[in-house]
Amino acid sequence: MILAESSATTVWGDLDELARLFSNILDNAVRHGPSGGTVSIALRSGPDGYAMVSIHDEGGNIPPDVMPRLFDRFYRLDHSRSSSTGGTGLGLAIAREIARRHNGDISITSSPDSGTLVSIRLASR
């Protein structure tokens, strides 16, 4: 993993919940990015009072038609995975709920050319 960019910022919130949010997102980036690929993390403070965290992996394998369902509970992109080998399909739903409880949100873009980018916006101090 590479910390690509960072600026000092403070986010008020529940440490355990925020740790779970980032753990879920980073786990997905490592698990679904290409073997030996890079995961980059950038943190910046926006002028609008929000902290922006971007997590990018080189995967880009999310088809456009499933993008609206990624945050649905129990939705798994790879239906061949069972909960014993690949999770329950709750990670992104939980991450988004945590972000929203912290006055923020999460969005995802993905393409084979540019990889997958998860953008997390959280209210900062």
N, C-alpha and C. Protein backbone atom coordinates (compact mmCIF):
# COMPACT_ATOMS: atom_id res chain seq x y z
N MET A 1 0.84 -1.18 0.00
CA MET A 1 0.00 0.00 0.00
C MET A 1 0.88 1.23 0.00
N ILE A 2 0.38 2.25 -0.62
CA ILE A 2 1.12 3.50 -0.74
C ILE A 2 0.24 4.63 -0.22
N LEU A 3 0.79 5.42 0.69
CA LEU A 3 0.10 6.64 1.10
C LEU A 3 0.53 7.71 0.11
N ALA A 4 -0.34 8.00 -0.85
CA ALA A 4 0.01 8.85 -1.97
C ALA A 4 0.04 10.33 -1.62
N GLU A 5 -0.82 10.75 -0.76
CA GLU A 5 -0.96 12.17 -0.47
C GLU A 5 -1.60 12.30 0.90
N SER A 6 -1.18 13.28 1.67
CA SER A 6 -1.78 13.44 2.97
C SER A 6 -1.68 14.89 3.42
N SER A 7 -2.74 15.37 4.02
CA SER A 7 -2.72 16.67 4.66
C SER A 7 -3.36 16.51 6.03
N ALA A 8 -2.93 17.30 6.97
CA ALA A 8 -3.45 17.19 8.33
C ALA A 8 -4.92 17.59 8.36
N THR A 9 -5.71 16.73 8.96
CA THR A 9 -7.13 17.03 9.13
C THR A 9 -7.65 16.21 10.30
N THR A 10 -8.74 16.66 10.88
CA THR A 10 -9.34 15.96 12.00
C THR A 10 -10.77 15.61 11.65
N VAL A 11 -11.13 14.38 11.94
CA VAL A 11 -12.51 13.92 11.75
C VAL A 11 -13.02 13.52 13.12
N TRP A 12 -14.16 14.09 13.50
CA TRP A 12 -14.78 13.72 14.76
C TRP A 12 -15.67 12.52 14.53
N GLY A 13 -15.53 11.53 15.38
CA GLY A 13 -16.39 10.37 15.23
C GLY A 13 -15.98 9.24 16.15
N ASP A 14 -16.62 8.14 15.95
CA ASP A 14 -16.37 6.94 16.73
C ASP A 14 -15.18 6.20 16.12
N LEU A 15 -14.10 6.07 16.89
CA LEU A 15 -12.87 5.47 16.38
C LEU A 15 -13.09 4.04 15.91
N ASP A 16 -13.84 3.24 16.67
CA ASP A 16 -14.08 1.86 16.28
C ASP A 16 -14.87 1.77 14.97
N GLU A 17 -15.88 2.61 14.82
CA GLU A 17 -16.67 2.60 13.59
C GLU A 17 -15.83 3.04 12.39
N LEU A 18 -15.05 4.10 12.56
CA LEU A 18 -14.22 4.58 11.46
C LEU A 18 -13.15 3.55 11.09
N ALA A 19 -12.61 2.86 12.09
CA ALA A 19 -11.63 1.79 11.81
C ALA A 19 -12.31 0.68 11.00
N ARG A 20 -13.53 0.36 11.33
CA ARG A 20 -14.25 -0.69 10.59
C ARG A 20 -14.53 -0.24 9.16
N LEU A 21 -14.93 1.01 8.99
CA LEU A 21 -15.17 1.55 7.64
C LEU A 21 -13.93 1.36 6.78
N PHE A 22 -12.79 1.84 7.28
CA PHE A 22 -11.56 1.77 6.47
C PHE A 22 -11.05 0.34 6.33
N SER A 23 -11.25 -0.47 7.33
CA SER A 23 -10.86 -1.87 7.23
C SER A 23 -11.65 -2.57 6.13
N ASN A 24 -12.96 -2.33 6.08
CA ASN A 24 -13.79 -2.94 5.04
C ASN A 24 -13.36 -2.50 3.64
N ILE A 25 -13.11 -1.21 3.47
CA ILE A 25 -12.75 -0.69 2.15
C ILE A 25 -11.36 -1.20 1.74
N LEU A 26 -10.40 -1.15 2.66
CA LEU A 26 -9.05 -1.61 2.32
C LEU A 26 -9.02 -3.11 2.06
N ASP A 27 -9.79 -3.88 2.83
CA ASP A 27 -9.86 -5.32 2.60
C ASP A 27 -10.38 -5.60 1.19
N ASN A 28 -11.42 -4.89 0.77
CA ASN A 28 -11.93 -5.06 -0.59
C ASN A 28 -10.89 -4.69 -1.64
N ALA A 29 -10.17 -3.60 -1.42
CA ALA A 29 -9.16 -3.17 -2.40
C ALA A 29 -8.07 -4.22 -2.56
N VAL A 30 -7.62 -4.78 -1.45
CA VAL A 30 -6.57 -5.80 -1.50
C VAL A 30 -7.12 -7.10 -2.10
N ARG A 31 -8.30 -7.49 -1.68
CA ARG A 31 -8.88 -8.76 -2.13
C ARG A 31 -9.26 -8.74 -3.61
N HIS A 32 -9.79 -7.63 -4.10
CA HIS A 32 -10.31 -7.59 -5.46
C HIS A 32 -9.39 -6.92 -6.47
N GLY A 33 -8.32 -6.29 -5.99
CA GLY A 33 -7.34 -5.76 -6.92
C GLY A 33 -6.49 -6.89 -7.48
N PRO A 34 -5.71 -6.62 -8.50
CA PRO A 34 -4.89 -7.68 -9.09
C PRO A 34 -3.80 -8.15 -8.14
N SER A 35 -3.45 -9.40 -8.23
CA SER A 35 -2.37 -9.96 -7.42
C SER A 35 -1.09 -9.17 -7.70
N GLY A 36 -0.45 -8.71 -6.65
CA GLY A 36 0.77 -7.92 -6.80
C GLY A 36 0.51 -6.47 -7.17
N GLY A 37 -0.76 -6.07 -7.23
CA GLY A 37 -1.11 -4.70 -7.58
C GLY A 37 -0.88 -3.74 -6.42
N THR A 38 -1.06 -2.49 -6.69
CA THR A 38 -0.84 -1.43 -5.70
C THR A 38 -2.18 -0.86 -5.24
N VAL A 39 -2.27 -0.61 -3.94
CA VAL A 39 -3.40 0.12 -3.37
C VAL A 39 -2.85 1.45 -2.88
N SER A 40 -3.41 2.54 -3.37
CA SER A 40 -2.97 3.88 -2.99
C SER A 40 -4.03 4.55 -2.13
N ILE A 41 -3.56 5.28 -1.12
CA ILE A 41 -4.46 5.99 -0.22
C ILE A 41 -4.07 7.46 -0.22
N ALA A 42 -5.04 8.33 -0.40
CA ALA A 42 -4.79 9.77 -0.36
C ALA A 42 -5.78 10.41 0.60
N LEU A 43 -5.30 11.31 1.41
CA LEU A 43 -6.14 12.05 2.37
C LEU A 43 -5.92 13.52 2.13
N ARG A 44 -7.02 14.24 1.99
CA ARG A 44 -6.90 15.69 1.86
C ARG A 44 -8.08 16.36 2.55
N SER A 45 -7.84 17.55 2.99
CA SER A 45 -8.87 18.34 3.64
C SER A 45 -9.46 19.30 2.62
N GLY A 46 -10.76 19.25 2.45
CA GLY A 46 -11.41 20.13 1.48
C GLY A 46 -11.78 21.46 2.10
N PRO A 47 -11.94 22.48 1.28
CA PRO A 47 -12.30 23.80 1.77
C PRO A 47 -13.73 23.86 2.30
N ASP A 48 -14.52 22.82 2.02
CA ASP A 48 -15.92 22.81 2.42
C ASP A 48 -16.14 22.20 3.80
N GLY A 49 -15.06 21.94 4.55
CA GLY A 49 -15.19 21.38 5.89
C GLY A 49 -15.28 19.87 5.89
N TYR A 50 -14.90 19.24 4.82
CA TYR A 50 -14.92 17.78 4.73
C TYR A 50 -13.52 17.24 4.48
N ALA A 51 -13.27 16.07 5.03
CA ALA A 51 -12.04 15.34 4.73
C ALA A 51 -12.38 14.36 3.61
N MET A 52 -11.50 14.24 2.64
CA MET A 52 -11.69 13.32 1.53
C MET A 52 -10.59 12.26 1.59
N VAL A 53 -11.01 11.00 1.60
CA VAL A 53 -10.07 9.89 1.56
C VAL A 53 -10.35 9.13 0.28
N SER A 54 -9.31 8.94 -0.52
CA SER A 54 -9.43 8.19 -1.77
C SER A 54 -8.60 6.93 -1.65
N ILE A 55 -9.21 5.81 -1.98
CA ILE A 55 -8.52 4.52 -1.96
C ILE A 55 -8.64 3.94 -3.36
N HIS A 56 -7.50 3.74 -4.00
CA HIS A 56 -7.48 3.30 -5.40
C HIS A 56 -6.75 1.96 -5.52
N ASP A 57 -7.36 1.03 -6.24
CA ASP A 57 -6.65 -0.19 -6.60
C ASP A 57 -6.66 -0.32 -8.12
N GLU A 58 -5.81 -1.17 -8.62
CA GLU A 58 -5.62 -1.28 -10.07
C GLU A 58 -6.60 -2.24 -10.73
N GLY A 59 -7.61 -2.71 -9.97
CA GLY A 59 -8.54 -3.70 -10.50
C GLY A 59 -9.41 -3.22 -11.64
N GLY A 60 -10.39 -2.42 -11.35
CA GLY A 60 -11.27 -1.91 -12.40
C GLY A 60 -12.17 -2.96 -13.02
N ASN A 61 -12.52 -3.99 -12.26
CA ASN A 61 -13.31 -5.08 -12.81
C ASN A 61 -14.77 -5.04 -12.42
N ILE A 62 -15.28 -3.91 -11.99
CA ILE A 62 -16.69 -3.83 -11.59
C ILE A 62 -17.51 -3.39 -12.80
N PRO A 63 -18.38 -4.27 -13.29
CA PRO A 63 -19.21 -3.91 -14.45
C PRO A 63 -20.14 -2.74 -14.12
N PRO A 64 -20.35 -1.83 -15.07
CA PRO A 64 -21.21 -0.66 -14.82
C PRO A 64 -22.62 -1.02 -14.39
N ASP A 65 -23.16 -2.13 -14.88
CA ASP A 65 -24.54 -2.46 -14.55
C ASP A 65 -24.73 -2.88 -13.09
N VAL A 66 -23.66 -3.25 -12.38
CA VAL A 66 -23.81 -3.64 -10.98
C VAL A 66 -23.42 -2.51 -10.01
N MET A 67 -22.87 -1.43 -10.51
CA MET A 67 -22.43 -0.33 -9.64
C MET A 67 -23.54 0.15 -8.69
N PRO A 68 -24.79 0.30 -9.15
CA PRO A 68 -25.83 0.76 -8.23
C PRO A 68 -26.13 -0.21 -7.08
N ARG A 69 -25.74 -1.47 -7.21
CA ARG A 69 -26.06 -2.47 -6.19
C ARG A 69 -24.92 -2.69 -5.20
N LEU A 70 -23.77 -2.10 -5.41
CA LEU A 70 -22.60 -2.40 -4.59
C LEU A 70 -22.82 -2.17 -3.10
N PHE A 71 -23.65 -1.22 -2.75
CA PHE A 71 -23.88 -0.90 -1.33
C PHE A 71 -25.11 -1.61 -0.76
N ASP A 72 -25.74 -2.46 -1.56
CA ASP A 72 -26.89 -3.24 -1.07
C ASP A 72 -26.40 -4.30 -0.09
N ARG A 73 -27.17 -4.51 0.96
CA ARG A 73 -26.84 -5.57 1.92
C ARG A 73 -26.87 -6.92 1.23
N PHE A 74 -25.88 -7.74 1.55
CA PHE A 74 -25.75 -9.12 1.08
C PHE A 74 -25.42 -9.25 -0.41
N TYR A 75 -25.17 -8.13 -1.10
CA TYR A 75 -24.82 -8.22 -2.51
C TYR A 75 -23.34 -8.54 -2.64
N ARG A 76 -23.03 -9.54 -3.43
CA ARG A 76 -21.64 -9.90 -3.72
C ARG A 76 -21.47 -9.92 -5.23
N LEU A 77 -20.46 -9.25 -5.70
CA LEU A 77 -20.19 -9.19 -7.12
C LEU A 77 -19.87 -10.57 -7.67
N ASP A 78 -19.06 -11.32 -6.93
CA ASP A 78 -18.68 -12.67 -7.35
C ASP A 78 -19.61 -13.66 -6.65
N HIS A 79 -20.62 -14.11 -7.35
CA HIS A 79 -21.62 -15.00 -6.76
C HIS A 79 -21.08 -16.40 -6.49
N SER A 80 -19.90 -16.71 -7.03
CA SER A 80 -19.34 -18.04 -6.78
C SER A 80 -18.71 -18.14 -5.40
N ARG A 81 -18.49 -16.98 -4.76
CA ARG A 81 -17.89 -16.99 -3.42
C ARG A 81 -18.96 -17.25 -2.38
N SER A 82 -18.64 -18.05 -1.42
CA SER A 82 -19.57 -18.28 -0.31
C SER A 82 -19.10 -17.46 0.87
N SER A 83 -19.93 -17.38 1.89
CA SER A 83 -19.53 -16.61 3.06
C SER A 83 -18.31 -17.22 3.74
N SER A 84 -18.07 -18.51 3.52
CA SER A 84 -16.89 -19.14 4.14
C SER A 84 -15.60 -18.78 3.42
N THR A 85 -15.69 -18.35 2.16
CA THR A 85 -14.48 -18.03 1.41
C THR A 85 -14.37 -16.57 1.00
N GLY A 86 -15.43 -15.79 1.16
CA GLY A 86 -15.31 -14.44 0.64
C GLY A 86 -16.22 -13.40 1.22
N GLY A 87 -16.67 -13.55 2.42
CA GLY A 87 -17.47 -12.52 3.05
C GLY A 87 -18.97 -12.72 2.87
N THR A 88 -19.71 -11.81 3.46
CA THR A 88 -21.17 -11.93 3.49
C THR A 88 -21.87 -10.97 2.56
N GLY A 89 -21.14 -10.04 1.96
CA GLY A 89 -21.79 -9.02 1.15
C GLY A 89 -22.30 -7.87 1.98
N LEU A 90 -21.77 -7.71 3.19
CA LEU A 90 -22.20 -6.62 4.06
C LEU A 90 -21.16 -5.50 4.19
N GLY A 91 -19.94 -5.73 3.78
CA GLY A 91 -18.85 -4.77 4.03
C GLY A 91 -19.10 -3.38 3.50
N LEU A 92 -19.51 -3.25 2.24
CA LEU A 92 -19.75 -1.93 1.68
C LEU A 92 -21.00 -1.27 2.26
N ALA A 93 -22.03 -2.07 2.54
CA ALA A 93 -23.24 -1.53 3.16
C ALA A 93 -22.92 -0.96 4.54
N ILE A 94 -22.13 -1.69 5.30
CA ILE A 94 -21.73 -1.22 6.63
C ILE A 94 -20.86 0.03 6.52
N ALA A 95 -19.92 0.02 5.59
CA ALA A 95 -19.03 1.18 5.41
C ALA A 95 -19.83 2.43 5.07
N ARG A 96 -20.79 2.30 4.16
CA ARG A 96 -21.59 3.47 3.80
C ARG A 96 -22.42 3.96 4.98
N GLU A 97 -23.00 3.06 5.73
CA GLU A 97 -23.80 3.45 6.90
C GLU A 97 -22.94 4.20 7.91
N ILE A 98 -21.73 3.71 8.15
CA ILE A 98 -20.82 4.40 9.08
C ILE A 98 -20.47 5.79 8.55
N ALA A 99 -20.16 5.89 7.28
CA ALA A 99 -19.84 7.20 6.69
C ALA A 99 -21.01 8.16 6.86
N ARG A 100 -22.20 7.69 6.62
CA ARG A 100 -23.39 8.54 6.73
C ARG A 100 -23.65 8.95 8.18
N ARG A 101 -23.35 8.05 9.13
CA ARG A 101 -23.48 8.43 10.54
C ARG A 101 -22.46 9.49 10.94
N HIS A 102 -21.42 9.63 10.15
CA HIS A 102 -20.39 10.64 10.40
C HIS A 102 -20.53 11.82 9.42
N ASN A 103 -21.77 12.08 9.00
CA ASN A 103 -22.10 13.20 8.11
C ASN A 103 -21.31 13.16 6.81
N GLY A 104 -21.16 11.97 6.26
CA GLY A 104 -20.42 11.82 5.01
C GLY A 104 -21.09 10.82 4.08
N ASP A 105 -20.30 10.31 3.15
CA ASP A 105 -20.80 9.32 2.20
C ASP A 105 -19.61 8.66 1.50
N ILE A 106 -19.93 7.65 0.70
CA ILE A 106 -18.92 6.91 -0.07
C ILE A 106 -19.43 6.78 -1.50
N SER A 107 -18.51 6.89 -2.45
CA SER A 107 -18.85 6.62 -3.84
C SER A 107 -17.74 5.77 -4.45
N ILE A 108 -18.09 5.05 -5.53
CA ILE A 108 -17.13 4.17 -6.19
C ILE A 108 -17.21 4.39 -7.68
N THR A 109 -16.05 4.47 -8.32
CA THR A 109 -15.95 4.45 -9.77
C THR A 109 -14.99 3.33 -10.14
N SER A 110 -15.20 2.73 -11.31
CA SER A 110 -14.36 1.61 -11.71
C SER A 110 -14.35 1.48 -13.23
N SER A 111 -13.17 1.29 -13.77
CA SER A 111 -13.03 1.02 -15.20
C SER A 111 -11.75 0.22 -15.42
N PRO A 112 -11.73 -0.64 -16.43
CA PRO A 112 -10.52 -1.43 -16.70
C PRO A 112 -9.29 -0.56 -16.96
N ASP A 113 -9.49 0.64 -17.52
CA ASP A 113 -8.36 1.51 -17.84
C ASP A 113 -7.77 2.21 -16.63
N SER A 114 -8.64 2.61 -15.68
CA SER A 114 -8.14 3.42 -14.56
C SER A 114 -8.23 2.74 -13.20
N GLY A 115 -8.78 1.54 -13.11
CA GLY A 115 -8.88 0.83 -11.84
C GLY A 115 -10.14 1.23 -11.08
N THR A 116 -10.15 0.91 -9.81
CA THR A 116 -11.31 1.20 -8.95
C THR A 116 -10.91 2.25 -7.92
N LEU A 117 -11.75 3.25 -7.78
CA LEU A 117 -11.52 4.34 -6.84
C LEU A 117 -12.70 4.46 -5.90
N VAL A 118 -12.41 4.34 -4.61
CA VAL A 118 -13.41 4.55 -3.56
C VAL A 118 -13.13 5.92 -2.95
N SER A 119 -14.13 6.78 -2.98
CA SER A 119 -14.00 8.13 -2.42
C SER A 119 -14.87 8.22 -1.17
N ILE A 120 -14.24 8.56 -0.06
CA ILE A 120 -14.95 8.65 1.22
C ILE A 120 -14.90 10.11 1.66
N ARG A 121 -16.06 10.66 1.94
CA ARG A 121 -16.18 12.07 2.36
C ARG A 121 -16.73 12.06 3.78
N LEU A 122 -15.99 12.68 4.70
CA LEU A 122 -16.37 12.72 6.11
C LEU A 122 -16.29 14.16 6.61
N ALA A 123 -17.23 14.54 7.46
CA ALA A 123 -17.20 15.88 8.04
C ALA A 123 -15.95 16.00 8.91
N SER A 124 -15.21 17.07 8.69
CA SER A 124 -14.00 17.29 9.49
C SER A 124 -14.22 18.45 10.43
N ARG A 125 -13.29 18.62 11.31
CA ARG A 125 -13.40 19.64 12.32
C ARG A 125 -13.16 20.99 11.76
